[in-house]
C-alpha atoms as a PDB file:
ATOM      1  CA  UNK A   1      68.703 138.841 114.217  1.00  0.00           C
ATOM      2  CA  UNK A   2      67.115 135.643 112.943  1.00  0.00           C
ATOM      3  CA  UNK A   3      66.031 133.145 115.585  1.00  0.00           C
ATOM      4  CA  UNK A   4      66.279 129.374 115.125  1.00  0.00           C
ATOM      5  CA  UNK A   5      62.570 129.175 114.299  1.00  0.00           C
ATOM      6  CA  UNK A   6      62.929 131.937 111.717  1.00  0.00           C
ATOM      7  CA  UNK A   7      65.853 130.150 110.069  1.00  0.00           C
ATOM      8  CA  UNK A   8      63.775 126.977 109.912  1.00  0.00           C
ATOM      9  CA  UNK A   9      60.919 128.901 108.290  1.00  0.00           C
ATOM     10  CA  UNK A  10      63.250 130.585 105.784  1.00  0.00           C
ATOM     11  CA  UNK A  11      64.725 127.291 104.601  1.00  0.00           C
ATOM     12  CA  UNK A  12      61.349 125.610 104.381  1.00  0.00           C
ATOM     13  CA  UNK A  13      60.384 128.408 102.015  1.00  0.00           C
ATOM     14  CA  UNK A  14      63.427 128.063  99.741  1.00  0.00           C
ATOM     15  CA  UNK A  15      64.125 124.315 100.044  1.00  0.00           C
ATOM     16  CA  UNK A  16      62.972 123.291  96.565  1.00  0.00           C
ATOM     17  CA  UNK A  17      64.807 126.178  94.874  1.00  0.00           C
ATOM     18  CA  UNK A  18      68.058 125.703  96.804  1.00  0.00           C
ATOM     19  CA  UNK A  19      69.142 122.736  94.708  1.00  0.00           C
ATOM     20  CA  UNK A  20      69.440 125.074  91.691  1.00  0.00           C
ATOM     21  CA  UNK A  21      72.085 127.192  93.452  1.00  0.00           C
ATOM     22  CA  UNK A  22      74.806 125.097  91.828  1.00  0.00           C
ATOM     23  CA  UNK A  23      73.857 126.395  88.390  1.00  0.00           C
ATOM     24  CA  UNK A  24      74.999 129.919  89.324  1.00  0.00           C
ATOM     25  CA  UNK A  25      78.658 130.965  88.965  1.00  0.00           C
ATOM     26  CA  UNK A  26      79.057 131.262  92.736  1.00  0.00           C
ATOM     27  CA  UNK A  27      77.514 127.819  93.231  1.00  0.00           C
ATOM     28  CA  UNK A  28      79.792 126.245  90.630  1.00  0.00           C
ATOM     29  CA  UNK A  29      82.886 127.729  92.271  1.00  0.00           C
ATOM     30  CA  UNK A  30      81.698 126.638  95.715  1.00  0.00           C
ATOM     31  CA  UNK A  31      81.210 123.056  94.536  1.00  0.00           C
ATOM     32  CA  UNK A  32      84.639 122.829  92.932  1.00  0.00           C
ATOM     33  CA  UNK A  33      86.414 124.254  95.998  1.00  0.00           C
ATOM     34  CA  UNK A  34      84.586 122.006  98.457  1.00  0.00           C
ATOM     35  CA  UNK A  35      85.580 118.968  96.404  1.00  0.00           C
ATOM     36  CA  UNK A  36      89.197 120.184  96.485  1.00  0.00           C
ATOM     37  CA  UNK A  37      89.017 120.631 100.263  1.00  0.00           C
ATOM     38  CA  UNK A  38      87.469 117.208 100.870  1.00  0.00           C
ATOM     39  CA  UNK A  39      89.988 115.381  98.729  1.00  0.00           C
ATOM     40  CA  UNK A  40      90.004 111.610  99.194  1.00  0.00           C
ATOM     41  CA  UNK A  41      87.824 110.676 102.173  1.00  0.00           C
ATOM     42  CA  UNK A  42      87.646 106.991 101.326  1.00  0.00           C
ATOM     43  CA  UNK A  43      86.181 104.996 104.215  1.00  0.00           C
ATOM     44  CA  UNK A  44      85.818 108.025 106.505  1.00  0.00           C
ATOM     45  CA  UNK A  45      82.784 109.107 108.517  1.00  0.00           C
ATOM     46  CA  UNK A  46      81.644 112.710 108.050  1.00  0.00           C
ATOM     47  CA  UNK A  47      79.513 115.098 110.097  1.00  0.00           C
ATOM     48  CA  UNK A  48      77.822 117.797 108.007  1.00  0.00           C
ATOM     49  CA  UNK A  49      76.655 120.584 110.341  1.00  0.00           C
ATOM     50  CA  UNK A  50      73.894 122.553 108.652  1.00  0.00           C
ATOM     51  CA  UNK A  51      74.061 120.169 105.702  1.00  0.00           C
ATOM     52  CA  UNK A  52      70.524 120.926 104.531  1.00  0.00           C
ATOM     53  CA  UNK A  53      69.538 119.146 101.347  1.00  0.00           C
ATOM     54  CA  UNK A  54      72.781 117.166 101.254  1.00  0.00           C
ATOM     55  CA  UNK A  55      74.591 118.902  98.395  1.00  0.00           C
ATOM     56  CA  UNK A  56      78.013 118.566 100.013  1.00  0.00           C
ATOM     57  CA  UNK A  57      77.143 115.386 101.879  1.00  0.00           C
ATOM     58  CA  UNK A  58      76.765 113.833  98.417  1.00  0.00           C
ATOM     59  CA  UNK A  59      80.140 115.316  97.449  1.00  0.00           C
ATOM     60  CA  UNK A  60      81.643 113.496 100.445  1.00  0.00           C
ATOM     61  CA  UNK A  61      79.952 110.198  99.530  1.00  0.00           C
ATOM     62  CA  UNK A  62      81.183 110.586  95.946  1.00  0.00           C
ATOM     63  CA  UNK A  63      84.699 111.158  97.345  1.00  0.00           C
ATOM     64  CA  UNK A  64      84.521 107.806  99.147  1.00  0.00           C
ATOM     65  CA  UNK A  65      83.040 108.596 102.564  1.00  0.00           C
ATOM     66  CA  UNK A  66      81.522 105.584 104.271  1.00  0.00           C
ATOM     67  CA  UNK A  67      78.699 107.611 105.857  1.00  0.00           C
ATOM     68  CA  UNK A  68      77.613 111.216 106.351  1.00  0.00           C
ATOM     69  CA  UNK A  69      75.449 112.445 109.215  1.00  0.00           C
ATOM     70  CA  UNK A  70      73.627 115.689 108.407  1.00  0.00           C
ATOM     71  CA  UNK A  71      72.501 117.837 111.331  1.00  0.00           C
ATOM     72  CA  UNK A  72      70.224 120.656 110.236  1.00  0.00           C
ATOM     73  CA  UNK A  73      67.399 122.803 111.568  1.00  0.00           C
ATOM     74  CA  UNK A  74      65.155 122.396 108.499  1.00  0.00           C
ATOM     75  CA  UNK A  75      63.131 119.161 108.167  1.00  0.00           C
ATOM     76  CA  UNK A  76      62.128 120.139 104.638  1.00  0.00           C
ATOM     77  CA  UNK A  77      65.732 120.495 103.498  1.00  0.00           C
ATOM     78  CA  UNK A  78      66.663 117.132 105.021  1.00  0.00           C
ATOM     79  CA  UNK A  79      63.614 115.515 103.436  1.00  0.00           C
ATOM     80  CA  UNK A  80      65.007 116.579 100.065  1.00  0.00           C
ATOM     81  CA  UNK A  81      68.355 115.037 100.986  1.00  0.00           C
ATOM     82  CA  UNK A  82      66.735 111.677 101.692  1.00  0.00           C
ATOM     83  CA  UNK A  83      64.568 111.820  98.575  1.00  0.00           C
ATOM     84  CA  UNK A  84      67.719 112.367  96.516  1.00  0.00           C
ATOM     85  CA  UNK A  85      69.432 109.444  98.203  1.00  0.00           C
ATOM     86  CA  UNK A  86      66.445 107.225  97.453  1.00  0.00           C
ATOM     87  CA  UNK A  87      66.685 108.145  93.774  1.00  0.00           C
ATOM     88  CA  UNK A  88      70.418 107.344  93.872  1.00  0.00           C
ATOM     89  CA  UNK A  89      69.691 103.995  95.519  1.00  0.00           C
ATOM     90  CA  UNK A  90      71.941 104.513  98.527  1.00  0.00           C
ATOM     91  CA  UNK A  91      69.615 105.377 101.398  1.00  0.00           C
ATOM     92  CA  UNK A  92      71.973 103.834 103.976  1.00  0.00           C
ATOM     93  CA  UNK A  93      74.880 106.259 103.340  1.00  0.00           C
ATOM     94  CA  UNK A  94      73.374 109.502 104.649  1.00  0.00           C
ATOM     95  CA  UNK A  95      71.565 109.988 107.942  1.00  0.00           C
ATOM     96  CA  UNK A  96      69.641 113.165 108.869  1.00  0.00           C
ATOM     97  CA  UNK A  97      69.106 114.582 112.356  1.00  0.00           C
ATOM     98  CA  UNK A  98      67.155 117.715 113.222  1.00  0.00           C
ATOM     99  CA  UNK A  99      68.822 120.156 115.647  1.00  0.00           C
ATOM    100  CA  UNK A 100      70.021 123.734 116.070  1.00  0.00           C
ATOM    101  CA  UNK A 101      73.797 123.492 115.557  1.00  0.00           C
ATOM    102  CA  UNK A 102      74.432 126.602 117.660  1.00  0.00           C
ATOM    103  CA  UNK A 103      73.302 124.606 120.728  1.00  0.00           C
ATOM    104  CA  UNK A 104      74.748 121.478 122.365  1.00  0.00           C
ATOM    105  CA  UNK A 105      74.080 118.295 120.388  1.00  0.00           C
ATOM    106  CA  UNK A 106      74.613 115.830 123.230  1.00  0.00           C
ATOM    107  CA  UNK A 107      71.056 114.503 122.896  1.00  0.00           C
ATOM    108  CA  UNK A 108      71.912 113.209 119.412  1.00  0.00           C
ATOM    109  CA  UNK A 109      74.717 110.980 120.762  1.00  0.00           C
ATOM    110  CA  UNK A 110      76.858 111.680 117.725  1.00  0.00           C
ATOM    111  CA  UNK A 111      80.338 110.674 118.873  1.00  0.00           C
ATOM    112  CA  UNK A 112      83.339 111.909 116.910  1.00  0.00           C
ATOM    113  CA  UNK A 113      84.049 112.023 113.170  1.00  0.00           C
ATOM    114  CA  UNK A 114      86.969 111.854 110.770  1.00  0.00           C
ATOM    115  CA  UNK A 115      85.695 114.945 108.948  1.00  0.00           C
ATOM    116  CA  UNK A 116      83.423 117.777 110.065  1.00  0.00           C
ATOM    117  CA  UNK A 117      81.890 120.160 107.530  1.00  0.00           C
ATOM    118  CA  UNK A 118      80.177 123.444 108.404  1.00  0.00           C
ATOM    119  CA  UNK A 119      79.102 125.071 105.160  1.00  0.00           C
ATOM    120  CA  UNK A 120      77.480 128.519 105.461  1.00  0.00           C
ATOM    121  CA  UNK A 121      76.547 127.634 109.063  1.00  0.00           C
ATOM    122  CA  UNK A 122      78.511 130.515 110.581  1.00  0.00           C
ATOM    123  CA  UNK A 123      76.443 132.926 108.470  1.00  0.00           C
ATOM    124  CA  UNK A 124      73.424 132.235 110.632  1.00  0.00           C
ATOM    125  CA  UNK A 125      75.130 133.436 113.813  1.00  0.00           C
ATOM    126  CA  UNK A 126      73.679 136.792 114.786  1.00  0.00           C
ATOM    127  CA  UNK A 127      75.843 137.104 117.887  1.00  0.00           C
ATOM    128  CA  UNK A 128      79.083 135.751 119.294  1.00  0.00           C
ATOM    129  CA  UNK A 129      77.279 133.377 121.655  1.00  0.00           C
ATOM    130  CA  UNK A 130      75.686 131.553 118.715  1.00  0.00           C
ATOM    131  CA  UNK A 131      78.971 131.494 116.815  1.00  0.00           C
ATOM    132  CA  UNK A 132      80.834 130.077 119.798  1.00  0.00           C
ATOM    133  CA  UNK A 133      78.133 127.416 120.185  1.00  0.00           C
ATOM    134  CA  UNK A 134      78.678 126.298 116.600  1.00  0.00           C
ATOM    135  CA  UNK A 135      82.424 126.134 117.120  1.00  0.00           C
ATOM    136  CA  UNK A 136      82.053 124.114 120.312  1.00  0.00           C
ATOM    137  CA  UNK A 137      80.169 121.502 118.286  1.00  0.00           C
ATOM    138  CA  UNK A 138      82.940 121.428 115.679  1.00  0.00           C
ATOM    139  CA  UNK A 139      85.541 120.892 118.394  1.00  0.00           C
ATOM    140  CA  UNK A 140      83.515 118.315 120.313  1.00  0.00           C
ATOM    141  CA  UNK A 141      82.712 116.109 117.331  1.00  0.00           C
ATOM    142  CA  UNK A 142      85.956 116.221 115.338  1.00  0.00           C
ATOM    143  CA  UNK A 143      88.492 113.490 116.083  1.00  0.00           C
ATOM    144  CA  UNK A 144      92.098 114.460 116.868  1.00  0.00           C
ATOM    145  CA  UNK A 145      93.836 114.678 113.507  1.00  0.00           C
ATOM    146  CA  UNK A 146      90.467 114.977 111.755  1.00  0.00           C
ATOM    147  CA  UNK A 147      89.753 117.307 108.850  1.00  0.00           C
ATOM    148  CA  UNK A 148      87.585 120.422 109.045  1.00  0.00           C
ATOM    149  CA  UNK A 149      86.001 121.914 105.896  1.00  0.00           C
ATOM    150  CA  UNK A 150      83.755 124.960 105.782  1.00  0.00           C
ATOM    151  CA  UNK A 151      82.356 127.772 103.680  1.00  0.00           C
ATOM    152  CA  UNK A 152      81.792 131.198 105.230  1.00  0.00           C
ATOM    153  CA  UNK A 153      80.702 134.462 103.673  1.00  0.00           C
ATOM    154  CA  UNK A 154      83.098 137.325 103.069  1.00  0.00           C
ATOM    155  CA  UNK A 155      82.364 140.978 103.794  1.00  0.00           C
ATOM    156  CA  UNK A 156      78.600 141.349 103.191  1.00  0.00           C
ATOM    157  CA  UNK A 157      79.211 144.842 101.791  1.00  0.00           C
ATOM    158  CA  UNK A 158      81.873 143.592  99.367  1.00  0.00           C
ATOM    159  CA  UNK A 159      81.513 144.318  95.633  1.00  0.00           C
ATOM    160  CA  UNK A 160      81.618 140.623  94.700  1.00  0.00           C
ATOM    161  CA  UNK A 161      78.346 140.160  96.594  1.00  0.00           C
ATOM    162  CA  UNK A 162      76.372 142.630  94.509  1.00  0.00           C
ATOM    163  CA  UNK A 163      75.076 140.212  91.877  1.00  0.00           C
ATOM    164  CA  UNK A 164      77.848 139.608  89.337  1.00  0.00           C
ATOM    165  CA  UNK A 165      78.370 136.024  90.470  1.00  0.00           C
ATOM    166  CA  UNK A 166      74.706 135.159  90.996  1.00  0.00           C
ATOM    167  CA  UNK A 167      74.209 136.170  94.623  1.00  0.00           C
ATOM    168  CA  UNK A 168      73.451 139.572  96.137  1.00  0.00           C
ATOM    169  CA  UNK A 169      73.692 140.658  99.768  1.00  0.00           C
ATOM    170  CA  UNK A 170      71.406 143.611 100.452  1.00  0.00           C
ATOM    171  CA  UNK A 171      69.925 145.574 103.358  1.00  0.00           C
ATOM    172  CA  UNK A 172      73.127 145.137 105.366  1.00  0.00           C
ATOM    173  CA  UNK A 173      72.734 146.386 108.934  1.00  0.00           C
ATOM    174  CA  UNK A 174      75.333 146.569 111.672  1.00  0.00           C
ATOM    175  CA  UNK A 175      74.775 144.569 114.867  1.00  0.00           C
ATOM    176  CA  UNK A 176      77.190 144.222 117.799  1.00  0.00           C
ATOM    177  CA  UNK A 177      80.184 142.336 116.451  1.00  0.00           C
ATOM    178  CA  UNK A 178      78.883 141.866 112.915  1.00  0.00           C
ATOM    179  CA  UNK A 179      76.041 142.417 110.463  1.00  0.00           C
ATOM    180  CA  UNK A 180      72.665 141.118 109.365  1.00  0.00           C
ATOM    181  CA  UNK A 181      71.610 141.090 105.716  1.00  0.00           C
ATOM    182  CA  UNK A 182      69.306 139.574 103.117  1.00  0.00           C
ATOM    183  CA  UNK A 183      70.744 137.070 100.649  1.00  0.00           C
ATOM    184  CA  UNK A 184      69.042 137.336  97.263  1.00  0.00           C
ATOM    185  CA  UNK A 185      69.477 134.595  94.659  1.00  0.00           C
ATOM    186  CA  UNK A 186      68.232 135.379  91.131  1.00  0.00           C
ATOM    187  CA  UNK A 187      67.174 131.871  90.138  1.00  0.00           C
ATOM    188  CA  UNK A 188      63.874 131.269  88.365  1.00  0.00           C
ATOM    189  CA  UNK A 189      61.904 131.898  90.447  1.00  0.00           C
ATOM    190  CA  UNK A 190      64.189 134.155  92.535  1.00  0.00           C
ATOM    191  CA  UNK A 191      64.431 133.554  96.273  1.00  0.00           C
ATOM    192  CA  UNK A 192      65.960 135.167  99.322  1.00  0.00           C
ATOM    193  CA  UNK A 193      66.566 134.577 103.010  1.00  0.00           C
ATOM    194  CA  UNK A 194      67.833 136.416 106.063  1.00  0.00           C
ATOM    195  CA  UNK A 195      71.360 135.809 107.349  1.00  0.00           C
ATOM    196  CA  UNK A 196      73.899 137.208 109.788  1.00  0.00           C
ATOM    197  CA  UNK A 197      77.676 137.025 110.161  1.00  0.00           C
ATOM    198  CA  UNK A 198      80.123 138.083 112.822  1.00  0.00           C
ATOM    199  CA  UNK A 199      83.087 140.186 111.716  1.00  0.00           C
ATOM    200  CA  UNK A 200      85.520 137.693 113.214  1.00  0.00           C
ATOM    201  CA  UNK A 201      84.137 135.270 110.609  1.00  0.00           C
ATOM    202  CA  UNK A 202      83.543 137.429 107.503  1.00  0.00           C
ATOM    203  CA  UNK A 203      86.944 139.138 107.858  1.00  0.00           C
ATOM    204  CA  UNK A 204      88.614 135.872 106.864  1.00  0.00           C
ATOM    205  CA  UNK A 205      90.358 135.561 110.228  1.00  0.00           C
ATOM    206  CA  UNK A 206      91.323 132.117 111.530  1.00  0.00           C
ATOM    207  CA  UNK A 207      91.209 133.177 115.192  1.00  0.00           C
ATOM    208  CA  UNK A 208      88.067 131.154 115.981  1.00  0.00           C
ATOM    209  CA  UNK A 209      89.512 128.126 114.217  1.00  0.00           C
ATOM    210  CA  UNK A 210      92.663 128.358 116.337  1.00  0.00           C
ATOM    211  CA  UNK A 211      90.712 128.917 119.554  1.00  0.00           C
ATOM    212  CA  UNK A 212      88.855 125.657 118.947  1.00  0.00           C
ATOM    213  CA  UNK A 213      91.918 123.537 118.297  1.00  0.00           C
ATOM    214  CA  UNK A 214      92.485 123.668 114.528  1.00  0.00           C
ATOM    215  CA  UNK A 215      95.900 123.901 112.877  1.00  0.00           C
ATOM    216  CA  UNK A 216      97.393 123.803 109.352  1.00  0.00           C
ATOM    217  CA  UNK A 217      94.740 126.271 108.313  1.00  0.00           C
ATOM    218  CA  UNK A 218      94.271 127.686 104.854  1.00  0.00           C
ATOM    219  CA  UNK A 219      91.731 129.153 102.496  1.00  0.00           C
ATOM    220  CA  UNK A 220      91.438 126.785  99.539  1.00  0.00           C
ATOM    221  CA  UNK A 221      92.934 128.728  96.631  1.00  0.00           C
ATOM    222  CA  UNK A 222      90.358 130.051  94.172  1.00  0.00           C
ATOM    223  CA  UNK A 223      92.922 129.441  91.424  1.00  0.00           C
ATOM    224  CA  UNK A 224      92.642 125.697  92.095  1.00  0.00           C
ATOM    225  CA  UNK A 225      89.089 125.684  90.696  1.00  0.00           C
ATOM    226  CA  UNK A 226      88.527 124.923  87.030  1.00  0.00           C
ATOM    227  CA  UNK A 227      85.973 127.741  86.817  1.00  0.00           C
ATOM    228  CA  UNK A 228      88.633 130.327  87.725  1.00  0.00           C
ATOM    229  CA  UNK A 229      91.296 128.738  85.562  1.00  0.00           C
ATOM    230  CA  UNK A 230      89.007 128.848  82.536  1.00  0.00           C
ATOM    231  CA  UNK A 231      88.015 132.530  82.953  1.00  0.00           C
ATOM    232  CA  UNK A 232      90.354 134.382  85.361  1.00  0.00           C
ATOM    233  CA  UNK A 233      89.217 137.810  84.178  1.00  0.00           C
ATOM    234  CA  UNK A 234      85.591 137.090  85.115  1.00  0.00           C
ATOM    235  CA  UNK A 235      86.663 136.017  88.615  1.00  0.00           C
ATOM    236  CA  UNK A 236      89.134 138.857  89.224  1.00  0.00           C
ATOM    237  CA  UNK A 237      86.713 140.930  91.325  1.00  0.00           C
ATOM    238  CA  UNK A 238      85.783 137.886  93.417  1.00  0.00           C
ATOM    239  CA  UNK A 239      89.427 137.063  94.146  1.00  0.00           C
ATOM    240  CA  UNK A 240      90.238 140.659  95.086  1.00  0.00           C
ATOM    241  CA  UNK A 241      87.138 140.969  97.307  1.00  0.00           C
ATOM    242  CA  UNK A 242      86.170 137.386  98.294  1.00  0.00           C
ATOM    243  CA  UNK A 243      82.453 136.672  98.449  1.00  0.00           C
ATOM    244  CA  UNK A 244      83.214 133.562 100.479  1.00  0.00           C
ATOM    245  CA  UNK A 245      86.091 131.543 101.895  1.00  0.00           C
ATOM    246  CA  UNK A 246      86.434 127.776 101.769  1.00  0.00           C
ATOM    247  CA  UNK A 247      88.482 126.813 104.818  1.00  0.00           C
ATOM    248  CA  UNK A 248      90.542 123.706 105.428  1.00  0.00           C
ATOM    249  CA  UNK A 249      92.167 122.705 108.705  1.00  0.00           C
ATOM    250  CA  UNK A 250      92.935 119.792 111.028  1.00  0.00           C
ATOM    251  CA  UNK A 251      92.327 119.181 114.717  1.00  0.00           C
ATOM    252  CA  UNK A 252      95.675 119.092 116.442  1.00  0.00           C
ATOM    253  CA  UNK A 253      94.693 117.328 119.658  1.00  0.00           C
ATOM    254  CA  UNK A 254      91.788 116.636 121.983  1.00  0.00           C
ATOM    255  CA  UNK A 255      91.784 120.041 123.680  1.00  0.00           C
ATOM    256  CA  UNK A 256      88.410 121.347 124.791  1.00  0.00           C
ATOM    257  CA  UNK A 257      87.322 124.979 124.559  1.00  0.00           C
END
């Protein structure tokens, strides 16, 4: 199981290459589905847990968000986010804060947000305690009625994660409650990193979402993405055996878990 320091090291290693992920089929589909899930966030304030280099934080800004706060464990990834913002001439729209999102974030004094994103974050939870810690942060920092958007991996042994769509999960090993694995991305140069998912997450279940106060839950339909519409045959395997889920939900009330 990867520790927080190991995750930080992994993402320091792949930070520069990670921006090219969007050129792969799986990255293109991810981008289109996240934009669908975000919708119009004009004037809203967004928390991006595990937001890394700001790929989806920039999607939120482009969709009208007033500000996005990224909380991530990798200083190198967040440095890239700020460098990109400087190039775009909007350095005041995204803020970066270093922390382990599986642990309490009270020291950051974040408050609550109209939208909380948690993209691929749950795939760095090697046990249920870490996963629950991530979900507590979602619940604590999402306003009642606020929108939750996330990406989480599907079954790491699934056939759609064997390279066809530009990402391969290999060396899958069972751990209590889930699995660890290596994610291999065949960019130029290729890169990989260690990850872990709990079965309650990679099964596609919404039970954790419901436990932490979310309602009106759905997986954003793959058919809503232009990539799938333009080549449904290519994406057939992915749809039958999802490599990832993009989740959308709303916080019903101010319950605490």
